Structure formats: structure tokens, C-alpha cells
Amino acid sequence: MREPRYLTAGPGYVLASGSDGMAVLRDGRVLWASLTIRPEVLPVPLDGDRFLLTARSRNDREIRLYCADVETGRRVLP
């Protein structure tokens, strides 16, 4: 991720996102970064270690809502 355009503060972490990807920072270090996750709108921090984001499907036909874990960036299934 070259230039994060948006920073969103969560409880104890920061979500950095832009047109070229997304990253999560905590305590001055990058927990993870992904060039494949490109949020359509700003990610929304939730209580604890979860956040919501919308992203396009791989075929760019759908916009999906995801709940993800801050530490890993992996989806959390209901």
C-alpha cells in the first residue's frame, strides 16, 4: 500500500485504506496489509477486535459486506 487516503480509528487500532489496498495498524506496527482488499467505503470499527467493510467481489459484479478480525483480516462468519 503506497498512499493510504483514509484513516479510521478503532478501539486500539487504526484502519488505513485507499484505492490500492488496506492495512491495520496497532501500537505503531502494521498487523497486516492487503492489496486485494479495496474497500468501497470507509471501514467501520466495531467493539473489540472486529470491523465492517464493503468490498467488490472478484468478478466486480457485487459489493459485499464483510465482518473481519483486526488481528488477521480474515472474515468472521456469523
PDB file of N, CA and C in Angstrom:
ATOM      1  N   MET A   1       0.848  -1.165   0.000  1.00  0.00           N
ATOM      2  CA  MET A   1       0.000   0.000   0.000  1.00  0.00           C
ATOM      3  C   MET A   1       0.894   1.227   0.000  1.00  0.00           C
ATOM      4  N   ARG A   2       0.742   2.027  -1.005  1.00  0.00           N
ATOM      5  CA  ARG A   2       1.636   3.178  -1.153  1.00  0.00           C
ATOM      6  C   ARG A   2       1.175   4.401  -0.377  1.00  0.00           C
ATOM      7  N   GLU A   3      -0.040   4.803  -0.632  1.00  0.00           N
ATOM      8  CA  GLU A   3      -0.552   6.032  -0.007  1.00  0.00           C
ATOM      9  C   GLU A   3      -1.947   5.809   0.553  1.00  0.00           C
ATOM     10  N   PRO A   4      -2.052   5.575   1.862  1.00  0.00           N
ATOM     11  CA  PRO A   4      -3.400   5.471   2.417  1.00  0.00           C
ATOM     12  C   PRO A   4      -4.087   6.834   2.339  1.00  0.00           C
ATOM     13  N   ARG A   5      -5.308   6.832   1.854  1.00  0.00           N
ATOM     14  CA  ARG A   5      -6.051   8.088   1.744  1.00  0.00           C
ATOM     15  C   ARG A   5      -6.937   8.325   2.963  1.00  0.00           C
ATOM     16  N   TYR A   6      -7.335   7.234   3.607  1.00  0.00           N
ATOM     17  CA  TYR A   6      -8.282   7.352   4.710  1.00  0.00           C
ATOM     18  C   TYR A   6      -7.772   6.600   5.933  1.00  0.00           C
ATOM     19  N   LEU A   7      -7.913   7.216   7.076  1.00  0.00           N
ATOM     20  CA  LEU A   7      -7.589   6.591   8.346  1.00  0.00           C
ATOM     21  C   LEU A   7      -8.842   6.580   9.197  1.00  0.00           C
ATOM     22  N   THR A   8      -9.145   5.425   9.767  1.00  0.00           N
ATOM     23  CA  THR A   8     -10.300   5.283  10.633  1.00  0.00           C
ATOM     24  C   THR A   8      -9.823   4.681  11.941  1.00  0.00           C
ATOM     25  N   ALA A   9     -10.081   5.379  13.048  1.00  0.00           N
ATOM     26  CA  ALA A   9      -9.619   4.908  14.354  1.00  0.00           C
ATOM     27  C   ALA A   9     -10.638   3.989  14.996  1.00  0.00           C
ATOM     28  N   GLY A  10     -10.167   2.850  15.439  1.00  0.00           N
ATOM     29  CA  GLY A  10     -10.980   1.906  16.190  1.00  0.00           C
ATOM     30  C   GLY A  10     -10.493   1.876  17.630  1.00  0.00           C
ATOM     31  N   PRO A  11     -11.065   1.025  18.465  1.00  0.00           N
ATOM     32  CA  PRO A  11     -10.618   0.936  19.853  1.00  0.00           C
ATOM     33  C   PRO A  11      -9.267   0.207  19.947  1.00  0.00           C
ATOM     34  N   GLY A  12      -8.174   0.959  19.876  1.00  0.00           N
ATOM     35  CA  GLY A  12      -6.841   0.384  19.992  1.00  0.00           C
ATOM     36  C   GLY A  12      -6.180   0.042  18.675  1.00  0.00           C
ATOM     37  N   TYR A  13      -6.755   0.421  17.558  1.00  0.00           N
ATOM     38  CA  TYR A  13      -6.162   0.151  16.249  1.00  0.00           C
ATOM     39  C   TYR A  13      -6.585   1.226  15.262  1.00  0.00           C
ATOM     40  N   VAL A  14      -5.891   1.277  14.133  1.00  0.00           N
ATOM     41  CA  VAL A  14      -6.201   2.225  13.057  1.00  0.00           C
ATOM     42  C   VAL A  14      -6.347   1.448  11.758  1.00  0.00           C
ATOM     43  N   LEU A  15      -7.408   1.734  11.026  1.00  0.00           N
ATOM     44  CA  LEU A  15      -7.639   1.145   9.712  1.00  0.00           C
ATOM     45  C   LEU A  15      -7.177   2.155   8.667  1.00  0.00           C
ATOM     46  N   ALA A  16      -6.228   1.777   7.832  1.00  0.00           N
ATOM     47  CA  ALA A  16      -5.738   2.641   6.760  1.00  0.00           C
ATOM     48  C   ALA A  16      -6.208   2.044   5.442  1.00  0.00           C
ATOM     49  N   SER A  17      -6.848   2.842   4.609  1.00  0.00           N
ATOM     50  CA  SER A  17      -7.352   2.320   3.345  1.00  0.00           C
ATOM     51  C   SER A  17      -7.177   3.343   2.237  1.00  0.00           C
ATOM     52  N   GLY A  18      -7.195   2.834   1.031  1.00  0.00           N
ATOM     53  CA  GLY A  18      -7.069   3.677  -0.146  1.00  0.00           C
ATOM     54  C   GLY A  18      -7.420   2.875  -1.374  1.00  0.00           C
ATOM     55  N   SER A  19      -7.187   3.456  -2.527  1.00  0.00           N
ATOM     56  CA  SER A  19      -7.550   2.782  -3.764  1.00  0.00           C
ATOM     57  C   SER A  19      -6.643   1.599  -4.077  1.00  0.00           C
ATOM     58  N   ASP A  20      -5.503   1.518  -3.409  1.00  0.00           N
ATOM     59  CA  ASP A  20      -4.576   0.425  -3.701  1.00  0.00           C
ATOM     60  C   ASP A  20      -4.498  -0.630  -2.602  1.00  0.00           C
ATOM     61  N   GLY A  21      -5.406  -0.594  -1.615  1.00  0.00           N
ATOM     62  CA  GLY A  21      -5.408  -1.638  -0.589  1.00  0.00           C
ATOM     63  C   GLY A  21      -5.820  -1.148   0.778  1.00  0.00           C
ATOM     64  N   MET A  22      -5.520  -1.989   1.773  1.00  0.00           N
ATOM     65  CA  MET A  22      -5.922  -1.701   3.140  1.00  0.00           C
ATOM     66  C   MET A  22      -4.894  -2.281   4.105  1.00  0.00           C
ATOM     67  N   ALA A  23      -4.750  -1.646   5.268  1.00  0.00           N
ATOM     68  CA  ALA A  23      -3.835  -2.140   6.300  1.00  0.00           C
ATOM     69  C   ALA A  23      -4.426  -1.824   7.673  1.00  0.00           C
ATOM     70  N   VAL A  24      -4.007  -2.591   8.669  1.00  0.00           N
ATOM     71  CA  VAL A  24      -4.410  -2.350  10.043  1.00  0.00           C
ATOM     72  C   VAL A  24      -3.149  -2.129  10.874  1.00  0.00           C
ATOM     73  N   LEU A  25      -3.165  -1.059  11.671  1.00  0.00           N
ATOM     74  CA  LEU A  25      -2.017  -0.715  12.499  1.00  0.00           C
ATOM     75  C   LEU A  25      -2.412  -0.720  13.973  1.00  0.00           C
ATOM     76  N   ARG A  26      -1.501  -1.219  14.809  1.00  0.00           N
ATOM     77  CA  ARG A  26      -1.721  -1.219  16.252  1.00  0.00           C
ATOM     78  C   ARG A  26      -0.367  -1.035  16.938  1.00  0.00           C
ATOM     79  N   ASP A  27      -0.339  -0.157  17.905  1.00  0.00           N
ATOM     80  CA  ASP A  27       0.874   0.100  18.686  1.00  0.00           C
ATOM     81  C   ASP A  27       2.086   0.416  17.815  1.00  0.00           C
ATOM     82  N   GLY A  28       1.876   1.175  16.745  1.00  0.00           N
ATOM     83  CA  GLY A  28       2.969   1.602  15.893  1.00  0.00           C
ATOM     84  C   GLY A  28       3.493   0.557  14.931  1.00  0.00           C
ATOM     85  N   ARG A  29       2.784  -0.553  14.772  1.00  0.00           N
ATOM     86  CA  ARG A  29       3.232  -1.578  13.820  1.00  0.00           C
ATOM     87  C   ARG A  29       2.077  -2.007  12.931  1.00  0.00           C
ATOM     88  N   VAL A  30       2.411  -2.505  11.770  1.00  0.00           N
ATOM     89  CA  VAL A  30       1.404  -2.990  10.829  1.00  0.00           C
ATOM     90  C   VAL A  30       1.072  -4.432  11.184  1.00  0.00           C
ATOM     91  N   LEU A  31      -0.204  -4.693  11.483  1.00  0.00           N
ATOM     92  CA  LEU A  31      -0.634  -6.060  11.775  1.00  0.00           C
ATOM     93  C   LEU A  31      -0.742  -6.864  10.490  1.00  0.00           C
ATOM     94  N   TRP A  32      -1.325  -6.268   9.468  1.00  0.00           N
ATOM     95  CA  TRP A  32      -1.439  -6.906   8.164  1.00  0.00           C
ATOM     96  C   TRP A  32      -1.777  -5.851   7.123  1.00  0.00           C
ATOM     97  N   ALA A  33      -1.478  -6.161   5.889  1.00  0.00           N
ATOM     98  CA  ALA A  33      -1.807  -5.295   4.759  1.00  0.00           C
ATOM     99  C   ALA A  33      -2.244  -6.172   3.600  1.00  0.00           C
ATOM    100  N   SER A  34      -3.168  -5.673   2.806  1.00  0.00           N
ATOM    101  CA  SER A  34      -3.672  -6.432   1.671  1.00  0.00           C
ATOM    102  C   SER A  34      -3.870  -5.512   0.482  1.00  0.00           C
ATOM    103  N   LEU A  35      -3.340  -5.923  -0.638  1.00  0.00           N
ATOM    104  CA  LEU A  35      -3.562  -5.171  -1.872  1.00  0.00           C
ATOM    105  C   LEU A  35      -4.822  -5.641  -2.579  1.00  0.00           C
ATOM    106  N   THR A  36      -5.360  -6.784  -2.160  1.00  0.00           N
ATOM    107  CA  THR A  36      -6.568  -7.296  -2.800  1.00  0.00           C
ATOM    108  C   THR A  36      -7.838  -6.742  -2.171  1.00  0.00           C
ATOM    109  N   ILE A  37      -7.756  -6.275  -0.939  1.00  0.00           N
ATOM    110  CA  ILE A  37      -8.930  -5.669  -0.291  1.00  0.00           C
ATOM    111  C   ILE A  37      -8.919  -4.185  -0.603  1.00  0.00           C
ATOM    112  N   ARG A  38      -9.926  -3.761  -1.354  1.00  0.00           N
ATOM    113  CA  ARG A  38     -10.078  -2.343  -1.682  1.00  0.00           C
ATOM    114  C   ARG A  38     -11.481  -1.920  -1.275  1.00  0.00           C
ATOM    115  N   PRO A  39     -11.627  -1.369  -0.080  1.00  0.00           N
ATOM    116  CA  PRO A  39     -12.961  -1.012   0.394  1.00  0.00           C
ATOM    117  C   PRO A  39     -13.650   0.004  -0.510  1.00  0.00           C
ATOM    118  N   GLU A  40     -14.951  -0.185  -0.702  1.00  0.00           N
ATOM    119  CA  GLU A  40     -15.756   0.751  -1.479  1.00  0.00           C
ATOM    120  C   GLU A  40     -16.046   2.021  -0.675  1.00  0.00           C
ATOM    121  N   VAL A  41     -16.226   1.866   0.620  1.00  0.00           N
ATOM    122  CA  VAL A  41     -16.436   2.980   1.540  1.00  0.00           C
ATOM    123  C   VAL A  41     -15.511   2.767   2.730  1.00  0.00           C
ATOM    124  N   LEU A  42     -15.446   3.749   3.612  1.00  0.00           N
ATOM    125  CA  LEU A  42     -14.571   3.623   4.776  1.00  0.00           C
ATOM    126  C   LEU A  42     -14.971   2.433   5.641  1.00  0.00           C
ATOM    127  N   PRO A  43     -14.000   1.649   6.103  1.00  0.00           N
ATOM    128  CA  PRO A  43     -14.305   0.562   7.031  1.00  0.00           C
ATOM    129  C   PRO A  43     -14.857   1.132   8.338  1.00  0.00           C
ATOM    130  N   VAL A  44     -15.709   0.350   9.004  1.00  0.00           N
ATOM    131  CA  VAL A  44     -16.346   0.792  10.241  1.00  0.00           C
ATOM    132  C   VAL A  44     -15.834  -0.054  11.401  1.00  0.00           C
ATOM    133  N   PRO A  45     -15.143   0.571  12.380  1.00  0.00           N
ATOM    134  CA  PRO A  45     -14.683  -0.190  13.538  1.00  0.00           C
ATOM    135  C   PRO A  45     -15.862  -0.624  14.403  1.00  0.00           C
ATOM    136  N   LEU A  46     -15.770  -1.809  14.954  1.00  0.00           N
ATOM    137  CA  LEU A  46     -16.775  -2.323  15.883  1.00  0.00           C
ATOM    138  C   LEU A  46     -16.136  -2.493  17.249  1.00  0.00           C
ATOM    139  N   ASP A  47     -16.926  -2.845  18.243  1.00  0.00           N
ATOM    140  CA  ASP A  47     -16.380  -3.106  19.570  1.00  0.00           C
ATOM    141  C   ASP A  47     -15.408  -4.275  19.509  1.00  0.00           C
ATOM    142  N   GLY A  48     -14.400  -4.228  20.327  1.00  0.00           N
ATOM    143  CA  GLY A  48     -13.445  -5.331  20.359  1.00  0.00           C
ATOM    144  C   GLY A  48     -12.545  -5.327  19.145  1.00  0.00           C
ATOM    145  N   ASP A  49     -12.244  -6.492  18.647  1.00  0.00           N
ATOM    146  CA  ASP A  49     -11.317  -6.647  17.533  1.00  0.00           C
ATOM    147  C   ASP A  49     -12.022  -7.040  16.239  1.00  0.00           C
ATOM    148  N   ARG A  50     -13.058  -6.311  15.872  1.00  0.00           N
ATOM    149  CA  ARG A  50     -13.802  -6.572  14.653  1.00  0.00           C
ATOM    150  C   ARG A  50     -14.039  -5.248  13.914  1.00  0.00           C
ATOM    151  N   PHE A  51     -14.200  -5.352  12.604  1.00  0.00           N
ATOM    152  CA  PHE A  51     -14.579  -4.180  11.815  1.00  0.00           C
ATOM    153  C   PHE A  51     -15.409  -4.630  10.627  1.00  0.00           C
ATOM    154  N   LEU A  52     -16.197  -3.710  10.098  1.00  0.00           N
ATOM    155  CA  LEU A  52     -17.024  -3.966   8.916  1.00  0.00           C
ATOM    156  C   LEU A  52     -16.399  -3.278   7.717  1.00  0.00           C
ATOM    157  N   LEU A  53     -16.487  -3.922   6.561  1.00  0.00           N
ATOM    158  CA  LEU A  53     -16.065  -3.272   5.342  1.00  0.00           C
ATOM    159  C   LEU A  53     -16.882  -3.806   4.177  1.00  0.00           C
ATOM    160  N   THR A  54     -16.996  -3.001   3.167  1.00  0.00           N
ATOM    161  CA  THR A  54     -17.622  -3.450   1.926  1.00  0.00           C
ATOM    162  C   THR A  54     -16.527  -3.548   0.884  1.00  0.00           C
ATOM    163  N   ALA A  55     -16.606  -4.582   0.057  1.00  0.00           N
ATOM    164  CA  ALA A  55     -15.612  -4.770  -0.991  1.00  0.00           C
ATOM    165  C   ALA A  55     -16.283  -5.426  -2.191  1.00  0.00           C
ATOM    166  N   ARG A  56     -15.731  -5.192  -3.344  1.00  0.00           N
ATOM    167  CA  ARG A  56     -16.259  -5.804  -4.568  1.00  0.00           C
ATOM    168  C   ARG A  56     -15.859  -7.266  -4.635  1.00  0.00           C
ATOM    169  N   SER A  57     -16.722  -8.045  -5.261  1.00  0.00           N
ATOM    170  CA  SER A  57     -16.410  -9.459  -5.476  1.00  0.00           C
ATOM    171  C   SER A  57     -15.281  -9.565  -6.502  1.00  0.00           C
ATOM    172  N   ARG A  58     -14.742 -10.750  -6.645  1.00  0.00           N
ATOM    173  CA  ARG A  58     -13.619 -10.938  -7.571  1.00  0.00           C
ATOM    174  C   ARG A  58     -13.992 -10.620  -9.012  1.00  0.00           C
ATOM    175  N   ASN A  59     -15.239 -10.838  -9.367  1.00  0.00           N
ATOM    176  CA  ASN A  59     -15.660 -10.534 -10.743  1.00  0.00           C
ATOM    177  C   ASN A  59     -16.185  -9.102 -10.887  1.00  0.00           C
ATOM    178  N   ASP A  60     -16.105  -8.310  -9.830  1.00  0.00           N
ATOM    179  CA  ASP A  60     -16.531  -6.898  -9.823  1.00  0.00           C
ATOM    180  C   ASP A  60     -18.016  -6.697 -10.082  1.00  0.00           C
ATOM    181  N   ARG A  61     -18.824  -7.729  -9.899  1.00  0.00           N
ATOM    182  CA  ARG A  61     -20.258  -7.598 -10.149  1.00  0.00           C
ATOM    183  C   ARG A  61     -21.061  -7.294  -8.891  1.00  0.00           C
ATOM    184  N   GLU A  62     -20.516  -7.637  -7.731  1.00  0.00           N
ATOM    185  CA  GLU A  62     -21.257  -7.459  -6.483  1.00  0.00           C
ATOM    186  C   GLU A  62     -20.415  -6.679  -5.485  1.00  0.00           C
ATOM    187  N   ILE A  63     -21.111  -5.943  -4.634  1.00  0.00           N
ATOM    188  CA  ILE A  63     -20.458  -5.320  -3.492  1.00  0.00           C
ATOM    189  C   ILE A  63     -20.932  -6.084  -2.271  1.00  0.00           C
ATOM    190  N   ARG A  64     -19.998  -6.586  -1.496  1.00  0.00           N
ATOM    191  CA  ARG A  64     -20.328  -7.436  -0.352  1.00  0.00           C
ATOM    192  C   ARG A  64     -19.941  -6.772   0.954  1.00  0.00           C
ATOM    193  N   LEU A  65     -20.691  -7.099   1.999  1.00  0.00           N
ATOM    194  CA  LEU A  65     -20.423  -6.604   3.345  1.00  0.00           C
ATOM    195  C   LEU A  65     -19.718  -7.708   4.118  1.00  0.00           C
ATOM    196  N   TYR A  66     -18.604  -7.366   4.733  1.00  0.00           N
ATOM    197  CA  TYR A  66     -17.825  -8.325   5.498  1.00  0.00           C
ATOM    198  C   TYR A  66     -17.618  -7.838   6.922  1.00  0.00           C
ATOM    199  N   CYS A  67     -17.588  -8.766   7.849  1.00  0.00           N
ATOM    200  CA  CYS A  67     -17.122  -8.514   9.203  1.00  0.00           C
ATOM    201  C   CYS A  67     -15.789  -9.245   9.302  1.00  0.00           C
ATOM    202  N   ALA A  68     -14.745  -8.555   9.724  1.00  0.00           N
ATOM    203  CA  ALA A  68     -13.409  -9.145   9.738  1.00  0.00           C
ATOM    204  C   ALA A  68     -12.732  -8.949  11.093  1.00  0.00           C
ATOM    205  N   ASP A  69     -11.753  -9.786  11.340  1.00  0.00           N
ATOM    206  CA  ASP A  69     -10.953  -9.746  12.558  1.00  0.00           C
ATOM    207  C   ASP A  69      -9.796  -8.761  12.370  1.00  0.00           C
ATOM    208  N   VAL A  70      -9.551  -7.926  13.362  1.00  0.00           N
ATOM    209  CA  VAL A  70      -8.499  -6.919  13.260  1.00  0.00           C
ATOM    210  C   VAL A  70      -7.116  -7.565  13.185  1.00  0.00           C
ATOM    211  N   GLU A  71      -6.852  -8.565  13.986  1.00  0.00           N
ATOM    212  CA  GLU A  71      -5.525  -9.189  14.049  1.00  0.00           C
ATOM    213  C   GLU A  71      -5.136  -9.876  12.751  1.00  0.00           C
ATOM    214  N   THR A  72      -6.073 -10.514  12.085  1.00  0.00           N
ATOM    215  CA  THR A  72      -5.747 -11.328  10.911  1.00  0.00           C
ATOM    216  C   THR A  72      -6.295 -10.776   9.605  1.00  0.00           C
ATOM    217  N   GLY A  73      -7.359  -9.992   9.662  1.00  0.00           N
ATOM    218  CA  GLY A  73      -8.025  -9.503   8.459  1.00  0.00           C
ATOM    219  C   GLY A  73      -8.949 -10.527   7.827  1.00  0.00           C
ATOM    220  N   ARG A  74      -9.079 -11.675   8.452  1.00  0.00           N
ATOM    221  CA  ARG A  74      -9.948 -12.722   7.917  1.00  0.00           C
ATOM    222  C   ARG A  74     -11.399 -12.476   8.281  1.00  0.00           C
ATOM    223  N   ARG A  75     -12.279 -12.917   7.375  1.00  0.00           N
ATOM    224  CA  ARG A  75     -13.711 -12.771   7.625  1.00  0.00           C
ATOM    225  C   ARG A  75     -14.127 -13.546   8.857  1.00  0.00           C
ATOM    226  N   VAL A  76     -15.073 -12.971   9.575  1.00  0.00           N
ATOM    227  CA  VAL A  76     -15.681 -13.628  10.728  1.00  0.00           C
ATOM    228  C   VAL A  76     -17.081 -14.022  10.292  1.00  0.00           C
ATOM    229  N   LEU A  77     -17.349 -15.291  10.309  1.00  0.00           N
ATOM    230  CA  LEU A  77     -18.648 -15.780   9.883  1.00  0.00           C
ATOM    231  C   LEU A  77     -19.640 -15.703  11.039  1.00  0.00           C
ATOM    232  N   PRO A  78     -20.914 -15.389  10.724  1.00  0.00           N
ATOM    233  CA  PRO A  78     -21.920 -15.283  11.795  1.00  0.00           C
ATOM    234  C   PRO A  78     -22.229 -16.619  12.442  1.00  0.00           C
TER     235      PRO A  78
END
